[in-house]
Amino acid sequence: MTINEASERYKIPIKILQEYESWGLCGEVKKVMGSWQYDNSDIERLSTIMTLHDIGFTNNEIEKYMRLLVDGVSTEAERMKMLETKRSGTLNEIHFKQRQLDRLDYLRFEMKMQNKNKAKRRISK
């Protein structure tokens, strides 16, 4: 399938497909009549690329991960380290956001209590 067909069928932006081609990782991709032809193994790799992109990997990190993946099982520890690093960073972001929510909720609670106290004072007058 061509780059346009792959983009449409799998909802992969052309820019990502072009980036993939530029990395030279498309061992199974064949150039036919001036356009790349994707096969099932390319689509599997592109699915991994999209997942890495969705979880926040940069293009450089994705390229490094994919090169390691193509190199095989011997790179599993390094790929796992990359995933663990990203996971740790994501958890730190979640914890930071939770602290922000806690502070927002505290301010909202304080405001509600102040309004409640003002209303009580008006009624008691």
PDB file of N, CA and C in Angstrom:
ATOM      1  N   MET A   1       0.848  -1.177   0.000  1.00  0.00           N
ATOM      2  CA  MET A   1       0.000   0.000   0.000  1.00  0.00           C
ATOM      3  C   MET A   1       0.886   1.230   0.000  1.00  0.00           C
ATOM      4  N   THR A   2       0.398   2.287  -0.583  1.00  0.00           N
ATOM      5  CA  THR A   2       1.168   3.526  -0.704  1.00  0.00           C
ATOM      6  C   THR A   2       1.104   4.320   0.601  1.00  0.00           C
ATOM      7  N   ILE A   3       1.901   5.375   0.651  1.00  0.00           N
ATOM      8  CA  ILE A   3       1.925   6.239   1.832  1.00  0.00           C
ATOM      9  C   ILE A   3       0.543   6.851   2.084  1.00  0.00           C
ATOM     10  N   ASN A   4      -0.127   7.278   1.025  1.00  0.00           N
ATOM     11  CA  ASN A   4      -1.464   7.862   1.185  1.00  0.00           C
ATOM     12  C   ASN A   4      -2.478   6.821   1.654  1.00  0.00           C
ATOM     13  N   GLU A   5      -2.393   5.621   1.103  1.00  0.00           N
ATOM     14  CA  GLU A   5      -3.310   4.552   1.529  1.00  0.00           C
ATOM     15  C   GLU A   5      -3.068   4.182   2.991  1.00  0.00           C
ATOM     16  N   ALA A   6      -1.796   4.074   3.383  1.00  0.00           N
ATOM     17  CA  ALA A   6      -1.469   3.758   4.776  1.00  0.00           C
ATOM     18  C   ALA A   6      -1.956   4.865   5.703  1.00  0.00           C
ATOM     19  N   SER A   7      -1.772   6.099   5.296  1.00  0.00           N
ATOM     20  CA  SER A   7      -2.207   7.232   6.101  1.00  0.00           C
ATOM     21  C   SER A   7      -3.716   7.209   6.302  1.00  0.00           C
ATOM     22  N   GLU A   8      -4.451   7.012   5.216  1.00  0.00           N
ATOM     23  CA  GLU A   8      -5.913   7.001   5.302  1.00  0.00           C
ATOM     24  C   GLU A   8      -6.438   5.794   6.070  1.00  0.00           C
ATOM     25  N   ARG A   9      -5.935   4.616   5.743  1.00  0.00           N
ATOM     26  CA  ARG A   9      -6.456   3.390   6.361  1.00  0.00           C
ATOM     27  C   ARG A   9      -6.178   3.328   7.858  1.00  0.00           C
ATOM     28  N   TYR A  10      -4.978   3.729   8.269  1.00  0.00           N
ATOM     29  CA  TYR A  10      -4.582   3.581   9.668  1.00  0.00           C
ATOM     30  C   TYR A  10      -4.561   4.905  10.433  1.00  0.00           C
ATOM     31  N   LYS A  11      -5.009   5.978   9.775  1.00  0.00           N
ATOM     32  CA  LYS A  11      -5.090   7.300  10.420  1.00  0.00           C
ATOM     33  C   LYS A  11      -3.733   7.735  10.969  1.00  0.00           C
ATOM     34  N   ILE A  12      -2.704   7.529  10.166  1.00  0.00           N
ATOM     35  CA  ILE A  12      -1.357   7.941  10.533  1.00  0.00           C
ATOM     36  C   ILE A  12      -1.019   9.179   9.708  1.00  0.00           C
ATOM     37  N   PRO A  13      -0.660  10.269  10.367  1.00  0.00           N
ATOM     38  CA  PRO A  13      -0.320  11.478   9.609  1.00  0.00           C
ATOM     39  C   PRO A  13       0.831  11.222   8.622  1.00  0.00           C
ATOM     40  N   ILE A  14       0.717  11.806   7.448  1.00  0.00           N
ATOM     41  CA  ILE A  14       1.749  11.676   6.403  1.00  0.00           C
ATOM     42  C   ILE A  14       3.116  12.058   6.964  1.00  0.00           C
ATOM     43  N   LYS A  15       3.149  13.094   7.803  1.00  0.00           N
ATOM     44  CA  LYS A  15       4.417  13.565   8.374  1.00  0.00           C
ATOM     45  C   LYS A  15       5.127  12.434   9.129  1.00  0.00           C
ATOM     46  N   ILE A  16       4.369  11.636   9.871  1.00  0.00           N
ATOM     47  CA  ILE A  16       4.964  10.526  10.624  1.00  0.00           C
ATOM     48  C   ILE A  16       5.464   9.448   9.671  1.00  0.00           C
ATOM     49  N   LEU A  17       4.703   9.175   8.631  1.00  0.00           N
ATOM     50  CA  LEU A  17       5.140   8.186   7.649  1.00  0.00           C
ATOM     51  C   LEU A  17       6.420   8.646   6.948  1.00  0.00           C
ATOM     52  N   GLN A  18       6.495   9.911   6.621  1.00  0.00           N
ATOM     53  CA  GLN A  18       7.700  10.440   5.982  1.00  0.00           C
ATOM     54  C   GLN A  18       8.899  10.369   6.927  1.00  0.00           C
ATOM     55  N   GLU A  19       8.655  10.661   8.203  1.00  0.00           N
ATOM     56  CA  GLU A  19       9.721  10.561   9.205  1.00  0.00           C
ATOM     57  C   GLU A  19      10.216   9.118   9.289  1.00  0.00           C
ATOM     58  N   TYR A  20       9.287   8.188   9.335  1.00  0.00           N
ATOM     59  CA  TYR A  20       9.609   6.756   9.390  1.00  0.00           C
ATOM     60  C   TYR A  20      10.481   6.368   8.196  1.00  0.00           C
ATOM     61  N   GLU A  21      10.089   6.806   7.019  1.00  0.00           N
ATOM     62  CA  GLU A  21      10.866   6.490   5.823  1.00  0.00           C
ATOM     63  C   GLU A  21      12.270   7.090   5.905  1.00  0.00           C
ATOM     64  N   SER A  22      12.378   8.304   6.455  1.00  0.00           N
ATOM     65  CA  SER A  22      13.680   8.982   6.521  1.00  0.00           C
ATOM     66  C   SER A  22      14.654   8.283   7.467  1.00  0.00           C
ATOM     67  N   TRP A  23      14.134   7.526   8.443  1.00  0.00           N
ATOM     68  CA  TRP A  23      14.998   6.816   9.383  1.00  0.00           C
ATOM     69  C   TRP A  23      15.675   5.608   8.740  1.00  0.00           C
ATOM     70  N   GLY A  24      15.171   5.186   7.596  1.00  0.00           N
ATOM     71  CA  GLY A  24      15.763   4.033   6.927  1.00  0.00           C
ATOM     72  C   GLY A  24      15.472   2.723   7.625  1.00  0.00           C
ATOM     73  N   LEU A  25      14.410   2.680   8.406  1.00  0.00           N
ATOM     74  CA  LEU A  25      14.055   1.465   9.135  1.00  0.00           C
ATOM     75  C   LEU A  25      13.070   0.590   8.375  1.00  0.00           C
ATOM     76  N   CYS A  26      12.679   1.027   7.222  1.00  0.00           N
ATOM     77  CA  CYS A  26      11.655   0.316   6.475  1.00  0.00           C
ATOM     78  C   CYS A  26      12.299  -0.743   5.608  1.00  0.00           C
ATOM     79  N   GLY A  27      12.847  -1.740   6.240  1.00  0.00           N
ATOM     80  CA  GLY A  27      13.502  -2.795   5.489  1.00  0.00           C
ATOM     81  C   GLY A  27      12.567  -3.511   4.544  1.00  0.00           C
ATOM     82  N   GLU A  28      11.321  -3.593   4.916  1.00  0.00           N
ATOM     83  CA  GLU A  28      10.350  -4.314   4.108  1.00  0.00           C
ATOM     84  C   GLU A  28       9.649  -3.403   3.100  1.00  0.00           C
ATOM     85  N   VAL A  29       9.886  -2.123   3.207  1.00  0.00           N
ATOM     86  CA  VAL A  29       9.221  -1.194   2.293  1.00  0.00           C
ATOM     87  C   VAL A  29       9.938  -1.241   0.948  1.00  0.00           C
ATOM     88  N   LYS A  30       9.163  -1.340  -0.096  1.00  0.00           N
ATOM     89  CA  LYS A  30       9.730  -1.378  -1.436  1.00  0.00           C
ATOM     90  C   LYS A  30       9.265  -0.147  -2.198  1.00  0.00           C
ATOM     91  N   LYS A  31      10.144   0.380  -2.996  1.00  0.00           N
ATOM     92  CA  LYS A  31       9.778   1.532  -3.799  1.00  0.00           C
ATOM     93  C   LYS A  31       9.321   1.004  -5.164  1.00  0.00           C
ATOM     94  N   VAL A  32       8.070   1.286  -5.484  1.00  0.00           N
ATOM     95  CA  VAL A  32       7.496   0.827  -6.742  1.00  0.00           C
ATOM     96  C   VAL A  32       6.960   2.040  -7.481  1.00  0.00           C
ATOM     97  N   MET A  33       7.445   2.242  -8.673  1.00  0.00           N
ATOM     98  CA  MET A  33       6.999   3.350  -9.513  1.00  0.00           C
ATOM     99  C   MET A  33       7.041   4.686  -8.764  1.00  0.00           C
ATOM    100  N   GLY A  34       8.113   4.910  -7.988  1.00  0.00           N
ATOM    101  CA  GLY A  34       8.305   6.191  -7.330  1.00  0.00           C
ATOM    102  C   GLY A  34       7.617   6.372  -5.995  1.00  0.00           C
ATOM    103  N   SER A  35       6.860   5.363  -5.529  1.00  0.00           N
ATOM    104  CA  SER A  35       6.203   5.526  -4.224  1.00  0.00           C
ATOM    105  C   SER A  35       6.479   4.314  -3.345  1.00  0.00           C
ATOM    106  N   TRP A  36       6.587   4.557  -2.052  1.00  0.00           N
ATOM    107  CA  TRP A  36       6.842   3.490  -1.097  1.00  0.00           C
ATOM    108  C   TRP A  36       5.634   2.575  -1.002  1.00  0.00           C
ATOM    109  N   GLN A  37       5.917   1.292  -0.831  1.00  0.00           N
ATOM    110  CA  GLN A  37       4.861   0.299  -0.639  1.00  0.00           C
ATOM    111  C   GLN A  37       5.043  -0.312   0.755  1.00  0.00           C
ATOM    112  N   TYR A  38       4.024  -0.164   1.600  1.00  0.00           N
ATOM    113  CA  TYR A  38       4.081  -0.661   2.967  1.00  0.00           C
ATOM    114  C   TYR A  38       3.494  -2.068   3.032  1.00  0.00           C
ATOM    115  N   ASP A  39       4.129  -2.922   3.845  1.00  0.00           N
ATOM    116  CA  ASP A  39       3.569  -4.249   4.082  1.00  0.00           C
ATOM    117  C   ASP A  39       3.166  -4.352   5.559  1.00  0.00           C
ATOM    118  N   ASN A  40       2.725  -5.529   5.967  1.00  0.00           N
ATOM    119  CA  ASN A  40       2.215  -5.709   7.333  1.00  0.00           C
ATOM    120  C   ASN A  40       3.260  -5.428   8.409  1.00  0.00           C
ATOM    121  N   SER A  41       4.523  -5.789   8.172  1.00  0.00           N
ATOM    122  CA  SER A  41       5.541  -5.527   9.201  1.00  0.00           C
ATOM    123  C   SER A  41       5.770  -4.021   9.370  1.00  0.00           C
ATOM    124  N   ASP A  42       5.656  -3.268   8.285  1.00  0.00           N
ATOM    125  CA  ASP A  42       5.766  -1.814   8.398  1.00  0.00           C
ATOM    126  C   ASP A  42       4.612  -1.249   9.210  1.00  0.00           C
ATOM    127  N   ILE A  43       3.428  -1.765   8.971  1.00  0.00           N
ATOM    128  CA  ILE A  43       2.254  -1.284   9.701  1.00  0.00           C
ATOM    129  C   ILE A  43       2.402  -1.594  11.190  1.00  0.00           C
ATOM    130  N   GLU A  44       2.959  -2.759  11.525  1.00  0.00           N
ATOM    131  CA  GLU A  44       3.207  -3.095  12.938  1.00  0.00           C
ATOM    132  C   GLU A  44       4.195  -2.111  13.551  1.00  0.00           C
ATOM    133  N   ARG A  45       5.262  -1.804  12.831  1.00  0.00           N
ATOM    134  CA  ARG A  45       6.241  -0.833  13.332  1.00  0.00           C
ATOM    135  C   ARG A  45       5.607   0.540  13.488  1.00  0.00           C
ATOM    136  N   LEU A  46       4.791   0.913  12.516  1.00  0.00           N
ATOM    137  CA  LEU A  46       4.121   2.217  12.588  1.00  0.00           C
ATOM    138  C   LEU A  46       3.156   2.271  13.762  1.00  0.00           C
ATOM    139  N   SER A  47       2.530   1.162  14.076  1.00  0.00           N
ATOM    140  CA  SER A  47       1.655   1.109  15.253  1.00  0.00           C
ATOM    141  C   SER A  47       2.462   1.367  16.521  1.00  0.00           C
ATOM    142  N   THR A  48       3.646   0.774  16.601  1.00  0.00           N
ATOM    143  CA  THR A  48       4.526   1.018  17.750  1.00  0.00           C
ATOM    144  C   THR A  48       4.936   2.486  17.795  1.00  0.00           C
ATOM    145  N   ILE A  49       5.268   3.054  16.642  1.00  0.00           N
ATOM    146  CA  ILE A  49       5.656   4.470  16.571  1.00  0.00           C
ATOM    147  C   ILE A  49       4.518   5.348  17.070  1.00  0.00           C
ATOM    148  N   MET A  50       3.298   5.053  16.639  1.00  0.00           N
ATOM    149  CA  MET A  50       2.147   5.855  17.068  1.00  0.00           C
ATOM    150  C   MET A  50       1.938   5.735  18.578  1.00  0.00           C
ATOM    151  N   THR A  51       2.122   4.535  19.112  1.00  0.00           N
ATOM    152  CA  THR A  51       1.988   4.345  20.564  1.00  0.00           C
ATOM    153  C   THR A  51       3.040   5.157  21.297  1.00  0.00           C
ATOM    154  N   LEU A  52       4.287   5.093  20.836  1.00  0.00           N
ATOM    155  CA  LEU A  52       5.358   5.868  21.466  1.00  0.00           C
ATOM    156  C   LEU A  52       5.069   7.364  21.383  1.00  0.00           C
ATOM    157  N   HIS A  53       4.576   7.785  20.241  1.00  0.00           N
ATOM    158  CA  HIS A  53       4.211   9.195  20.064  1.00  0.00           C
ATOM    159  C   HIS A  53       3.106   9.580  21.049  1.00  0.00           C
ATOM    160  N   ASP A  54       2.087   8.739  21.161  1.00  0.00           N
ATOM    161  CA  ASP A  54       0.949   9.021  22.049  1.00  0.00           C
ATOM    162  C   ASP A  54       1.341   9.081  23.514  1.00  0.00           C
ATOM    163  N   ILE A  55       2.371   8.339  23.914  1.00  0.00           N
ATOM    164  CA  ILE A  55       2.769   8.355  25.324  1.00  0.00           C
ATOM    165  C   ILE A  55       3.815   9.421  25.626  1.00  0.00           C
ATOM    166  N   GLY A  56       4.145  10.235  24.612  1.00  0.00           N
ATOM    167  CA  GLY A  56       4.977  11.395  24.876  1.00  0.00           C
ATOM    168  C   GLY A  56       6.428  11.299  24.459  1.00  0.00           C
ATOM    169  N   PHE A  57       6.809  10.266  23.734  1.00  0.00           N
ATOM    170  CA  PHE A  57       8.180  10.186  23.254  1.00  0.00           C
ATOM    171  C   PHE A  57       8.410  11.275  22.203  1.00  0.00           C
ATOM    172  N   THR A  58       9.585  11.861  22.204  1.00  0.00           N
ATOM    173  CA  THR A  58       9.959  12.812  21.164  1.00  0.00           C
ATOM    174  C   THR A  58      10.326  12.028  19.898  1.00  0.00           C
ATOM    175  N   ASN A  59      10.446  12.731  18.780  1.00  0.00           N
ATOM    176  CA  ASN A  59      10.851  12.054  17.543  1.00  0.00           C
ATOM    177  C   ASN A  59      12.213  11.385  17.689  1.00  0.00           C
ATOM    178  N   ASN A  60      13.143  12.053  18.370  1.00  0.00           N
ATOM    179  CA  ASN A  60      14.470  11.457  18.572  1.00  0.00           C
ATOM    180  C   ASN A  60      14.390  10.198  19.428  1.00  0.00           C
ATOM    181  N   GLU A  61      13.568  10.244  20.473  1.00  0.00           N
ATOM    182  CA  GLU A  61      13.402   9.059  21.321  1.00  0.00           C
ATOM    183  C   GLU A  61      12.746   7.919  20.547  1.00  0.00           C
ATOM    184  N   ILE A  62      11.772   8.264  19.717  1.00  0.00           N
ATOM    185  CA  ILE A  62      11.098   7.238  18.918  1.00  0.00           C
ATOM    186  C   ILE A  62      12.089   6.597  17.952  1.00  0.00           C
ATOM    187  N   GLU A  63      12.875   7.415  17.294  1.00  0.00           N
ATOM    188  CA  GLU A  63      13.854   6.867  16.349  1.00  0.00           C
ATOM    189  C   GLU A  63      14.826   5.942  17.071  1.00  0.00           C
ATOM    190  N   LYS A  64      15.324   6.374  18.222  1.00  0.00           N
ATOM    191  CA  LYS A  64      16.262   5.538  18.987  1.00  0.00           C
ATOM    192  C   LYS A  64      15.596   4.229  19.380  1.00  0.00           C
ATOM    193  N   TYR A  65      14.372   4.304  19.906  1.00  0.00           N
ATOM    194  CA  TYR A  65      13.655   3.100  20.326  1.00  0.00           C
ATOM    195  C   TYR A  65      13.463   2.153  19.141  1.00  0.00           C
ATOM    196  N   MET A  66      13.061   2.697  18.006  1.00  0.00           N
ATOM    197  CA  MET A  66      12.791   1.863  16.831  1.00  0.00           C
ATOM    198  C   MET A  66      14.076   1.234  16.292  1.00  0.00           C
ATOM    199  N   ARG A  67      15.168   1.959  16.328  1.00  0.00           N
ATOM    200  CA  ARG A  67      16.443   1.371  15.897  1.00  0.00           C
ATOM    201  C   ARG A  67      16.819   0.215  16.820  1.00  0.00           C
ATOM    202  N   LEU A  68      16.606   0.411  18.117  1.00  0.00           N
ATOM    203  CA  LEU A  68      16.875  -0.667  19.068  1.00  0.00           C
ATOM    204  C   LEU A  68      15.948  -1.862  18.808  1.00  0.00           C
ATOM    205  N   LEU A  69      14.687  -1.581  18.541  1.00  0.00           N
ATOM    206  CA  LEU A  69      13.722  -2.644  18.275  1.00  0.00           C
ATOM    207  C   LEU A  69      14.131  -3.465  17.056  1.00  0.00           C
ATOM    208  N   VAL A  70      14.560  -2.787  16.016  1.00  0.00           N
ATOM    209  CA  VAL A  70      14.994  -3.480  14.795  1.00  0.00           C
ATOM    210  C   VAL A  70      16.236  -4.331  15.084  1.00  0.00           C
ATOM    211  N   ASP A  71      17.085  -3.860  16.006  1.00  0.00           N
ATOM    212  CA  ASP A  71      18.293  -4.615  16.352  1.00  0.00           C
ATOM    213  C   ASP A  71      17.980  -5.914  17.096  1.00  0.00           C
ATOM    214  N   GLY A  72      16.786  -6.016  17.686  1.00  0.00           N
ATOM    215  CA  GLY A  72      16.358  -7.296  18.248  1.00  0.00           C
ATOM    216  C   GLY A  72      16.385  -7.404  19.755  1.00  0.00           C
ATOM    217  N   VAL A  73      16.285  -8.654  20.203  1.00  0.00           N
ATOM    218  CA  VAL A  73      16.126  -8.991  21.619  1.00  0.00           C
ATOM    219  C   VAL A  73      17.278  -8.471  22.473  1.00  0.00           C
ATOM    220  N   SER A  74      18.458  -8.396  21.908  1.00  0.00           N
ATOM    221  CA  SER A  74      19.622  -7.962  22.689  1.00  0.00           C
ATOM    222  C   SER A  74      19.476  -6.531  23.204  1.00  0.00           C
ATOM    223  N   THR A  75      18.548  -5.767  22.664  1.00  0.00           N
ATOM    224  CA  THR A  75      18.354  -4.376  23.080  1.00  0.00           C
ATOM    225  C   THR A  75      17.167  -4.218  24.030  1.00  0.00           C
ATOM    226  N   GLU A  76      16.605  -5.333  24.444  1.00  0.00           N
ATOM    227  CA  GLU A  76      15.399  -5.275  25.272  1.00  0.00           C
ATOM    228  C   GLU A  76      15.607  -4.483  26.556  1.00  0.00           C
ATOM    229  N   ALA A  77      16.730  -4.668  27.223  1.00  0.00           N
ATOM    230  CA  ALA A  77      16.991  -3.958  28.491  1.00  0.00           C
ATOM    231  C   ALA A  77      17.038  -2.446  28.272  1.00  0.00           C
ATOM    232  N   GLU A  78      17.651  -2.020  27.191  1.00  0.00           N
ATOM    233  CA  GLU A  78      17.735  -0.585  26.916  1.00  0.00           C
ATOM    234  C   GLU A  78      16.366  -0.005  26.576  1.00  0.00           C
ATOM    235  N   ARG A  79      15.567  -0.768  25.813  1.00  0.00           N
ATOM    236  CA  ARG A  79      14.212  -0.309  25.491  1.00  0.00           C
ATOM    237  C   ARG A  79      13.356  -0.253  26.757  1.00  0.00           C
ATOM    238  N   MET A  80      13.513  -1.246  27.629  1.00  0.00           N
ATOM    239  CA  MET A  80      12.758  -1.250  28.888  1.00  0.00           C
ATOM    240  C   MET A  80      13.144  -0.048  29.738  1.00  0.00           C
ATOM    241  N   LYS A  81      14.424   0.297  29.744  1.00  0.00           N
ATOM    242  CA  LYS A  81      14.878   1.465  30.505  1.00  0.00           C
ATOM    243  C   LYS A  81      14.214   2.736  29.968  1.00  0.00           C
ATOM    244  N   MET A  82      14.127   2.854  28.648  1.00  0.00           N
ATOM    245  CA  MET A  82      13.473   4.019  28.056  1.00  0.00           C
ATOM    246  C   MET A  82      12.009   4.092  28.483  1.00  0.00           C
ATOM    247  N   LEU A  83      11.326   2.945  28.471  1.00  0.00           N
ATOM    248  CA  LEU A  83       9.916   2.910  28.871  1.00  0.00           C
ATOM    249  C   LEU A  83       9.757   3.244  30.352  1.00  0.00           C
ATOM    250  N   GLU A  84      10.636   2.709  31.172  1.00  0.00           N
ATOM    251  CA  GLU A  84      10.572   2.981  32.614  1.00  0.00           C
ATOM    252  C   GLU A  84      10.830   4.457  32.913  1.00  0.00           C
ATOM    253  N   THR A  85      11.762   5.056  32.190  1.00  0.00           N
ATOM    254  CA  THR A  85      12.048   6.478  32.367  1.00  0.00           C
ATOM    255  C   THR A  85      10.816   7.310  32.017  1.00  0.00           C
ATOM    256  N   LYS A  86      10.181   6.983  30.901  1.00  0.00           N
ATOM    257  CA  LYS A  86       8.978   7.722  30.479  1.00  0.00           C
ATOM    258  C   LYS A  86       7.862   7.513  31.495  1.00  0.00           C
ATOM    259  N   ARG A  87       7.716   6.284  31.990  1.00  0.00           N
ATOM    260  CA  ARG A  87       6.671   5.975  32.979  1.00  0.00           C
ATOM    261  C   ARG A  87       6.899   6.772  34.256  1.00  0.00           C
ATOM    262  N   SER A  88       8.132   6.817  34.714  1.00  0.00           N
ATOM    263  CA  SER A  88       8.468   7.563  35.921  1.00  0.00           C
ATOM    264  C   SER A  88       8.152   9.047  35.754  1.00  0.00           C
ATOM    265  N   GLY A  89       8.504   9.599  34.608  1.00  0.00           N
ATOM    266  CA  GLY A  89       8.205  11.003  34.336  1.00  0.00           C
ATOM    267  C   GLY A  89       6.715  11.270  34.309  1.00  0.00           C
ATOM    268  N   THR A  90       5.965  10.340  33.721  1.00  0.00           N
ATOM    269  CA  THR A  90       4.512  10.490  33.655  1.00  0.00           C
ATOM    270  C   THR A  90       3.901  10.437  35.051  1.00  0.00           C
ATOM    271  N   LEU A  91       4.387   9.514  35.894  1.00  0.00           N
ATOM    272  CA  LEU A  91       3.888   9.443  37.270  1.00  0.00           C
ATOM    273  C   LEU A  91       4.205  10.726  38.033  1.00  0.00           C
ATOM    274  N   ASN A  92       5.380  11.281  37.825  1.00  0.00           N
ATOM    275  CA  ASN A  92       5.726  12.553  38.477  1.00  0.00           C
ATOM    276  C   ASN A  92       4.772  13.659  38.043  1.00  0.00           C
ATOM    277  N   GLU A  93       4.435  13.688  36.759  1.00  0.00           N
ATOM    278  CA  GLU A  93       3.476  14.679  36.260  1.00  0.00           C
ATOM    279  C   GLU A  93       2.105  14.485  36.904  1.00  0.00           C
ATOM    280  N   ILE A  94       1.679  13.234  37.012  1.00  0.00           N
ATOM    281  CA  ILE A  94       0.381  12.932  37.631  1.00  0.00           C
ATOM    282  C   ILE A  94       0.366  13.403  39.078  1.00  0.00           C
ATOM    283  N   HIS A  95       1.422  13.098  39.816  1.00  0.00           N
ATOM    284  CA  HIS A  95       1.489  13.507  41.223  1.00  0.00           C
ATOM    285  C   HIS A  95       1.499  15.023  41.355  1.00  0.00           C
ATOM    286  N   PHE A  96       2.208  15.703  40.466  1.00  0.00           N
ATOM    287  CA  PHE A  96       2.225  17.165  40.479  1.00  0.00           C
ATOM    288  C   PHE A  96       0.819  17.703  40.221  1.00  0.00           C
ATOM    289  N   LYS A  97       0.139  17.154  39.233  1.00  0.00           N
ATOM    290  CA  LYS A  97      -1.227  17.590  38.913  1.00  0.00           C
ATOM    291  C   LYS A  97      -2.175  17.308  40.078  1.00  0.00           C
ATOM    292  N   GLN A  98      -1.982  16.193  40.775  1.00  0.00           N
ATOM    293  CA  GLN A  98      -2.826  15.881  41.923  1.00  0.00           C
ATOM    294  C   GLN A  98      -2.629  16.916  43.028  1.00  0.00           C
ATOM    295  N   ARG A  99      -1.388  17.334  43.253  1.00  0.00           N
ATOM    296  CA  ARG A  99      -1.133  18.379  44.250  1.00  0.00           C
ATOM    297  C   ARG A  99      -1.798  19.688  43.831  1.00  0.00           C
ATOM    298  N   GLN A 100      -1.771  19.994  42.538  1.00  0.00           N
ATOM    299  CA  GLN A 100      -2.454  21.190  42.048  1.00  0.00           C
ATOM    300  C   GLN A 100      -3.958  21.097  42.307  1.00  0.00           C
ATOM    301  N   LEU A 101      -4.542  19.945  42.019  1.00  0.00           N
ATOM    302  CA  LEU A 101      -5.977  19.755  42.268  1.00  0.00           C
ATOM    303  C   LEU A 101      -6.308  19.892  43.747  1.00  0.00           C
ATOM    304  N   ASP A 102      -5.463  19.317  44.588  1.00  0.00           N
ATOM    305  CA  ASP A 102      -5.688  19.423  46.033  1.00  0.00           C
ATOM    306  C   ASP A 102      -5.694  20.896  46.467  1.00  0.00           C
ATOM    307  N   ARG A 103      -4.773  21.674  45.954  1.00  0.00           N
ATOM    308  CA  ARG A 103      -4.704  23.098  46.307  1.00  0.00           C
ATOM    309  C   ARG A 103      -5.900  23.869  45.763  1.00  0.00           C
ATOM    310  N   LEU A 104      -6.305  23.550  44.544  1.00  0.00           N
ATOM    311  CA  LEU A 104      -7.504  24.178  43.975  1.00  0.00           C
ATOM    312  C   LEU A 104      -8.730  23.852  44.823  1.00  0.00           C
ATOM    313  N   ASP A 105      -8.855  22.584  45.191  1.00  0.00           N
ATOM    314  CA  ASP A 105     -10.004  22.178  46.013  1.00  0.00           C
ATOM    315  C   ASP A 105      -9.992  22.871  47.371  1.00  0.00           C
ATOM    316  N   TYR A 106      -8.798  23.056  47.939  1.00  0.00           N
ATOM    317  CA  TYR A 106      -8.690  23.758  49.214  1.00  0.00           C
ATOM    318  C   TYR A 106      -9.190  25.199  49.078  1.00  0.00           C
ATOM    319  N   LEU A 107      -8.754  25.885  48.017  1.00  0.00           N
ATOM    320  CA  LEU A 107      -9.196  27.270  47.806  1.00  0.00           C
ATOM    321  C   LEU A 107     -10.703  27.336  47.572  1.00  0.00           C
ATOM    322  N   ARG A 108     -11.239  26.390  46.849  1.00  0.00           N
ATOM    323  CA  ARG A 108     -12.686  26.348  46.611  1.00  0.00           C
ATOM    324  C   ARG A 108     -13.429  26.122  47.930  1.00  0.00           C
ATOM    325  N   PHE A 109     -12.905  25.207  48.759  1.00  0.00           N
ATOM    326  CA  PHE A 109     -13.515  24.927  50.050  1.00  0.00           C
ATOM    327  C   PHE A 109     -13.500  26.175  50.932  1.00  0.00           C
ATOM    328  N   GLU A 110     -12.353  26.849  50.980  1.00  0.00           N
ATOM    329  CA  GLU A 110     -12.231  28.066  51.777  1.00  0.00           C
ATOM    330  C   GLU A 110     -13.231  29.122  51.324  1.00  0.00           C
ATOM    331  N   MET A 111     -13.386  29.286  50.028  1.00  0.00           N
ATOM    332  CA  MET A 111     -14.313  30.268  49.508  1.00  0.00           C
ATOM    333  C   MET A 111     -15.748  29.910  49.887  1.00  0.00           C
ATOM    334  N   LYS A 112     -16.091  28.655  49.778  1.00  0.00           N
ATOM    335  CA  LYS A 112     -17.447  28.215  50.141  1.00  0.00           C
ATOM    336  C   LYS A 112     -17.707  28.440  51.630  1.00  0.00           C
ATOM    337  N   MET A 113     -16.704  28.164  52.451  1.00  0.00           N
ATOM    338  CA  MET A 113     -16.863  28.358  53.901  1.00  0.00           C
ATOM    339  C   MET A 113     -17.032  29.841  54.234  1.00  0.00           C
ATOM    340  N   GLN A 114     -16.272  30.683  53.573  1.00  0.00           N
ATOM    341  CA  GLN A 114     -16.402  32.124  53.800  1.00  0.00           C
ATOM    342  C   GLN A 114     -17.789  32.602  53.406  1.00  0.00           C
ATOM    343  N   ASN A 115     -18.285  32.141  52.271  1.00  0.00           N
ATOM    344  CA  ASN A 115     -19.625  32.524  51.827  1.00  0.00           C
ATOM    345  C   ASN A 115     -20.696  31.999  52.776  1.00  0.00           C
ATOM    346  N   LYS A 116     -20.502  30.802  53.280  1.00  0.00           N
ATOM    347  CA  LYS A 116     -21.447  30.214  54.230  1.00  0.00           C
ATOM    348  C   LYS A 116     -21.471  31.027  55.520  1.00  0.00           C
ATOM    349  N   ASN A 117     -20.299  31.417  56.020  1.00  0.00           N
ATOM    350  CA  ASN A 117     -20.209  32.216  57.239  1.00  0.00           C
ATOM    351  C   ASN A 117     -20.834  33.594  57.051  1.00  0.00           C
ATOM    352  N   LYS A 118     -20.631  34.201  55.879  1.00  0.00           N
ATOM    353  CA  LYS A 118     -21.243  35.497  55.597  1.00  0.00           C
ATOM    354  C   LYS A 118     -22.765  35.380  55.603  1.00  0.00           C
ATOM    355  N   ALA A 119     -23.266  34.310  55.017  1.00  0.00           N
ATOM    356  CA  ALA A 119     -24.718  34.092  54.968  1.00  0.00           C
ATOM    357  C   ALA A 119     -25.271  33.900  56.374  1.00  0.00           C
ATOM    358  N   LYS A 120     -24.576  33.186  57.242  1.00  0.00           N
ATOM    359  CA  LYS A 120     -25.022  32.966  58.619  1.00  0.00           C
ATOM    360  C   LYS A 120     -25.074  34.281  59.382  1.00  0.00           C
ATOM    361  N   ARG A 121     -24.067  35.153  59.177  1.00  0.00           N
ATOM    362  CA  ARG A 121     -24.040  36.429  59.860  1.00  0.00           C
ATOM    363  C   ARG A 121     -25.187  37.312  59.414  1.00  0.00           C
ATOM    364  N   ARG A 122     -25.530  37.247  58.136  1.00  0.00           N
ATOM    365  CA  ARG A 122     -26.660  38.047  57.643  1.00  0.00           C
ATOM    366  C   ARG A 122     -27.967  37.572  58.262  1.00  0.00           C
ATOM    367  N   ILE A 123     -28.118  36.289  58.382  1.00  0.00           N
ATOM    368  CA  ILE A 123     -29.358  35.735  58.951  1.00  0.00           C
ATOM    369  C   ILE A 123     -29.472  36.064  60.430  1.00  0.00           C
ATOM    370  N   SER A 124     -28.379  36.022  61.153  1.00  0.00           N
ATOM    371  CA  SER A 124     -28.422  36.279  62.597  1.00  0.00           C
ATOM    372  C   SER A 124     -28.593  37.744  62.946  1.00  0.00           C
ATOM    373  N   LYS A 125     -28.474  38.642  62.007  1.00  0.00           N
ATOM    374  CA  LYS A 125     -28.631  40.071  62.293  1.00  0.00           C
ATOM    375  C   LYS A 125     -30.055  40.460  62.379  1.00  0.00           C
TER     376      LYS A 125
END
